[in-house]
C-alpha cells in the first residue's frame, strides 16, 4: 500500500467534519513543501461539495486540496 492509499484510508476513517482539521495538521505547512500525497488522497476521496467548502475557506492548504480535487473531477468528466 502506497502513501496515498494510506491517506485515503485515514480520510475514510474520519467523519468529513474532521477532514479540515486533519488536513491542516498534516499539511506540511509551513515548511518546504505541502503534503502532495495527502492532497492527492483528498482529490480521490472528497465529493464536490466538500471540495467547494475547502476552497471557500481561503486557507492556503484547504484551498489547494479543493482545487486539486476539482481539477481531477473536471478531467475525469471531459
N, C-alpha and C. Protein backbone atom coordinates (compact mmCIF):
# COMPACT_ATOMS: atom_id res chain seq x y z
N UNK A 1 0.85 -1.18 0.00
CA UNK A 1 0.00 0.00 0.00
C UNK A 1 0.89 1.23 0.00
N UNK A 2 0.64 2.13 -0.94
CA UNK A 2 1.41 3.36 -1.04
C UNK A 2 0.90 4.41 -0.06
N UNK A 3 1.64 5.49 0.04
CA UNK A 3 1.29 6.55 0.99
C UNK A 3 -0.06 7.19 0.66
N UNK A 4 -0.36 7.37 -0.61
CA UNK A 4 -1.66 7.95 -0.98
C UNK A 4 -2.79 7.04 -0.52
N UNK A 5 -2.63 5.74 -0.71
CA UNK A 5 -3.65 4.79 -0.25
C UNK A 5 -3.80 4.83 1.27
N UNK A 6 -2.70 5.01 1.98
CA UNK A 6 -2.77 5.12 3.44
C UNK A 6 -3.55 6.37 3.84
N UNK A 7 -3.28 7.49 3.17
CA UNK A 7 -4.03 8.71 3.46
C UNK A 7 -5.50 8.55 3.11
N UNK A 8 -5.80 7.88 2.02
CA UNK A 8 -7.20 7.65 1.66
C UNK A 8 -7.91 6.86 2.74
N UNK A 9 -7.25 5.83 3.27
CA UNK A 9 -7.83 5.03 4.34
C UNK A 9 -8.04 5.88 5.60
N UNK A 10 -7.06 6.73 5.91
CA UNK A 10 -7.21 7.63 7.07
C UNK A 10 -8.42 8.53 6.90
N UNK A 11 -8.56 9.12 5.72
CA UNK A 11 -9.68 10.03 5.47
C UNK A 11 -11.01 9.30 5.57
N UNK A 12 -11.09 8.10 5.03
CA UNK A 12 -12.33 7.33 5.09
C UNK A 12 -12.70 6.96 6.52
N UNK A 13 -11.70 6.89 7.41
CA UNK A 13 -11.98 6.54 8.80
C UNK A 13 -12.49 7.72 9.62
N UNK A 14 -12.42 8.92 9.06
CA UNK A 14 -12.83 10.13 9.76
C UNK A 14 -14.17 10.64 9.23
N UNK A 15 -14.96 11.27 10.09
CA UNK A 15 -16.14 11.96 9.55
C UNK A 15 -15.66 13.16 8.73
N UNK A 16 -16.40 13.50 7.69
CA UNK A 16 -15.98 14.63 6.84
C UNK A 16 -15.81 15.92 7.63
N UNK A 17 -16.54 16.06 8.72
CA UNK A 17 -16.43 17.26 9.54
C UNK A 17 -15.05 17.39 10.19
N UNK A 18 -14.30 16.29 10.25
CA UNK A 18 -12.96 16.31 10.85
C UNK A 18 -11.85 16.43 9.81
N UNK A 19 -12.20 16.41 8.53
CA UNK A 19 -11.17 16.42 7.49
C UNK A 19 -10.35 17.69 7.49
N UNK A 20 -10.98 18.84 7.63
CA UNK A 20 -10.25 20.11 7.55
C UNK A 20 -9.17 20.17 8.62
N UNK A 21 -9.50 19.82 9.84
CA UNK A 21 -8.50 19.83 10.93
C UNK A 21 -7.40 18.82 10.65
N UNK A 22 -7.76 17.66 10.14
CA UNK A 22 -6.78 16.63 9.82
C UNK A 22 -5.83 17.11 8.71
N UNK A 23 -6.39 17.73 7.69
CA UNK A 23 -5.57 18.23 6.59
C UNK A 23 -4.62 19.33 7.06
N UNK A 24 -5.12 20.21 7.89
CA UNK A 24 -4.29 21.29 8.40
C UNK A 24 -3.15 20.73 9.25
N UNK A 25 -3.46 19.77 10.08
CA UNK A 25 -2.44 19.16 10.94
C UNK A 25 -1.35 18.46 10.15
N UNK A 26 -1.73 17.83 9.04
CA UNK A 26 -0.77 17.02 8.27
C UNK A 26 -0.37 17.66 6.94
N UNK A 27 -0.58 18.96 6.81
CA UNK A 27 -0.34 19.64 5.53
C UNK A 27 1.13 19.79 5.17
N UNK A 28 2.00 19.78 6.17
CA UNK A 28 3.41 20.03 5.91
C UNK A 28 3.73 21.52 5.86
N UNK A 29 2.72 22.36 6.10
CA UNK A 29 2.90 23.80 6.06
C UNK A 29 2.80 24.39 7.46
N UNK A 30 3.49 25.43 7.82
CA UNK A 30 4.54 26.00 6.98
C UNK A 30 5.73 25.05 6.91
N UNK A 31 6.40 25.07 5.84
CA UNK A 31 7.53 24.19 5.61
C UNK A 31 7.96 24.26 4.17
N UNK A 32 8.89 23.41 3.80
CA UNK A 32 9.45 23.49 2.44
C UNK A 32 8.50 23.01 1.35
N UNK A 33 7.54 22.13 1.69
CA UNK A 33 6.61 21.69 0.66
C UNK A 33 5.32 21.19 1.30
N UNK A 34 4.26 21.36 0.56
CA UNK A 34 2.96 20.85 1.02
C UNK A 34 2.97 19.32 0.92
N UNK A 35 2.08 18.70 1.64
CA UNK A 35 1.93 17.26 1.61
C UNK A 35 1.12 16.89 0.35
N UNK A 36 1.83 16.70 -0.73
CA UNK A 36 1.19 16.45 -2.03
C UNK A 36 0.44 15.13 -2.06
N UNK A 37 0.94 14.13 -1.34
CA UNK A 37 0.28 12.84 -1.29
C UNK A 37 -1.08 12.96 -0.60
N UNK A 38 -1.14 13.74 0.47
CA UNK A 38 -2.41 13.95 1.16
C UNK A 38 -3.38 14.72 0.27
N UNK A 39 -2.90 15.73 -0.43
CA UNK A 39 -3.76 16.48 -1.34
C UNK A 39 -4.32 15.57 -2.43
N UNK A 40 -3.51 14.66 -2.93
CA UNK A 40 -3.98 13.70 -3.94
C UNK A 40 -5.04 12.78 -3.35
N UNK A 41 -4.83 12.33 -2.13
CA UNK A 41 -5.81 11.46 -1.47
C UNK A 41 -7.14 12.19 -1.31
N UNK A 42 -7.09 13.45 -0.93
CA UNK A 42 -8.32 14.25 -0.80
C UNK A 42 -9.02 14.34 -2.15
N UNK A 43 -8.25 14.57 -3.20
CA UNK A 43 -8.86 14.70 -4.53
C UNK A 43 -9.57 13.42 -4.96
N UNK A 44 -9.12 12.28 -4.45
CA UNK A 44 -9.73 11.00 -4.80
C UNK A 44 -10.91 10.62 -3.90
N UNK A 45 -10.98 11.21 -2.72
CA UNK A 45 -11.99 10.82 -1.74
C UNK A 45 -13.12 11.82 -1.54
N UNK A 46 -12.84 13.10 -1.68
CA UNK A 46 -13.83 14.13 -1.36
C UNK A 46 -14.82 14.33 -2.50
N UNK A 47 -16.04 14.62 -2.12
CA UNK A 47 -17.07 14.96 -3.09
C UNK A 47 -17.00 16.44 -3.45
N UNK A 48 -17.71 16.83 -4.50
CA UNK A 48 -17.67 18.22 -4.96
C UNK A 48 -18.07 19.24 -3.90
N UNK A 49 -19.05 18.93 -3.08
CA UNK A 49 -19.50 19.89 -2.06
C UNK A 49 -18.39 20.15 -1.04
N UNK A 50 -17.71 19.11 -0.61
CA UNK A 50 -16.63 19.28 0.36
C UNK A 50 -15.47 20.04 -0.26
N UNK A 51 -15.16 19.75 -1.50
CA UNK A 51 -14.08 20.47 -2.19
C UNK A 51 -14.43 21.96 -2.29
N UNK A 52 -15.68 22.27 -2.60
CA UNK A 52 -16.11 23.67 -2.64
C UNK A 52 -15.97 24.33 -1.27
N UNK A 53 -16.31 23.60 -0.22
CA UNK A 53 -16.15 24.13 1.14
C UNK A 53 -14.70 24.46 1.43
N UNK A 54 -13.79 23.56 1.04
CA UNK A 54 -12.37 23.79 1.27
C UNK A 54 -11.90 25.05 0.53
N UNK A 55 -12.32 25.20 -0.70
CA UNK A 55 -11.91 26.37 -1.48
C UNK A 55 -12.44 27.66 -0.83
N UNK A 56 -13.66 27.62 -0.33
CA UNK A 56 -14.28 28.80 0.25
C UNK A 56 -13.64 29.24 1.56
N UNK A 57 -12.86 28.37 2.20
CA UNK A 57 -12.26 28.75 3.48
C UNK A 57 -11.21 29.84 3.32
N UNK A 58 -10.54 29.88 2.17
CA UNK A 58 -9.45 30.82 1.99
C UNK A 58 -8.15 30.35 2.63
N UNK A 59 -8.20 29.23 3.33
CA UNK A 59 -6.99 28.66 3.92
C UNK A 59 -6.11 28.11 2.80
N UNK A 60 -4.83 28.42 2.86
CA UNK A 60 -3.90 28.05 1.79
C UNK A 60 -3.95 26.56 1.46
N UNK A 61 -3.83 25.71 2.46
CA UNK A 61 -3.77 24.27 2.19
C UNK A 61 -5.12 23.70 1.82
N UNK A 62 -6.17 24.12 2.50
CA UNK A 62 -7.50 23.60 2.17
C UNK A 62 -7.92 24.02 0.77
N UNK A 63 -7.61 25.27 0.41
CA UNK A 63 -7.91 25.73 -0.95
C UNK A 63 -7.14 24.91 -1.97
N UNK A 64 -5.88 24.65 -1.69
CA UNK A 64 -5.05 23.83 -2.58
C UNK A 64 -5.68 22.46 -2.77
N UNK A 65 -6.07 21.82 -1.68
CA UNK A 65 -6.70 20.49 -1.77
C UNK A 65 -7.99 20.55 -2.58
N UNK A 66 -8.79 21.59 -2.35
CA UNK A 66 -10.04 21.73 -3.08
C UNK A 66 -9.83 21.91 -4.57
N UNK A 67 -8.86 22.73 -4.94
CA UNK A 67 -8.58 22.98 -6.36
C UNK A 67 -8.04 21.72 -7.04
N UNK A 68 -7.16 21.01 -6.36
CA UNK A 68 -6.64 19.74 -6.91
C UNK A 68 -7.82 18.78 -7.16
N UNK A 69 -8.71 18.69 -6.20
CA UNK A 69 -9.85 17.79 -6.33
C UNK A 69 -10.80 18.19 -7.45
N UNK A 70 -11.10 19.47 -7.56
CA UNK A 70 -11.98 19.91 -8.64
C UNK A 70 -11.33 19.72 -10.00
N UNK A 71 -10.04 19.94 -10.08
CA UNK A 71 -9.32 19.70 -11.34
C UNK A 71 -9.39 18.24 -11.73
N UNK A 72 -9.19 17.36 -10.76
CA UNK A 72 -9.26 15.92 -11.03
C UNK A 72 -10.66 15.54 -11.49
N UNK A 73 -11.67 16.04 -10.80
CA UNK A 73 -13.05 15.73 -11.15
C UNK A 73 -13.39 16.24 -12.55
N UNK A 74 -12.94 17.43 -12.85
CA UNK A 74 -13.19 18.02 -14.16
C UNK A 74 -12.54 17.20 -15.27
N UNK A 75 -11.31 16.79 -15.04
CA UNK A 75 -10.59 16.00 -16.04
C UNK A 75 -11.25 14.64 -16.28
N UNK A 76 -11.82 14.06 -15.24
CA UNK A 76 -12.47 12.77 -15.38
C UNK A 76 -13.79 12.85 -16.15
N UNK A 77 -14.43 14.01 -16.13
CA UNK A 77 -15.74 14.15 -16.74
C UNK A 77 -15.71 14.80 -18.12
N UNK A 78 -14.53 14.96 -18.68
CA UNK A 78 -14.43 15.55 -20.02
C UNK A 78 -14.65 14.51 -21.08
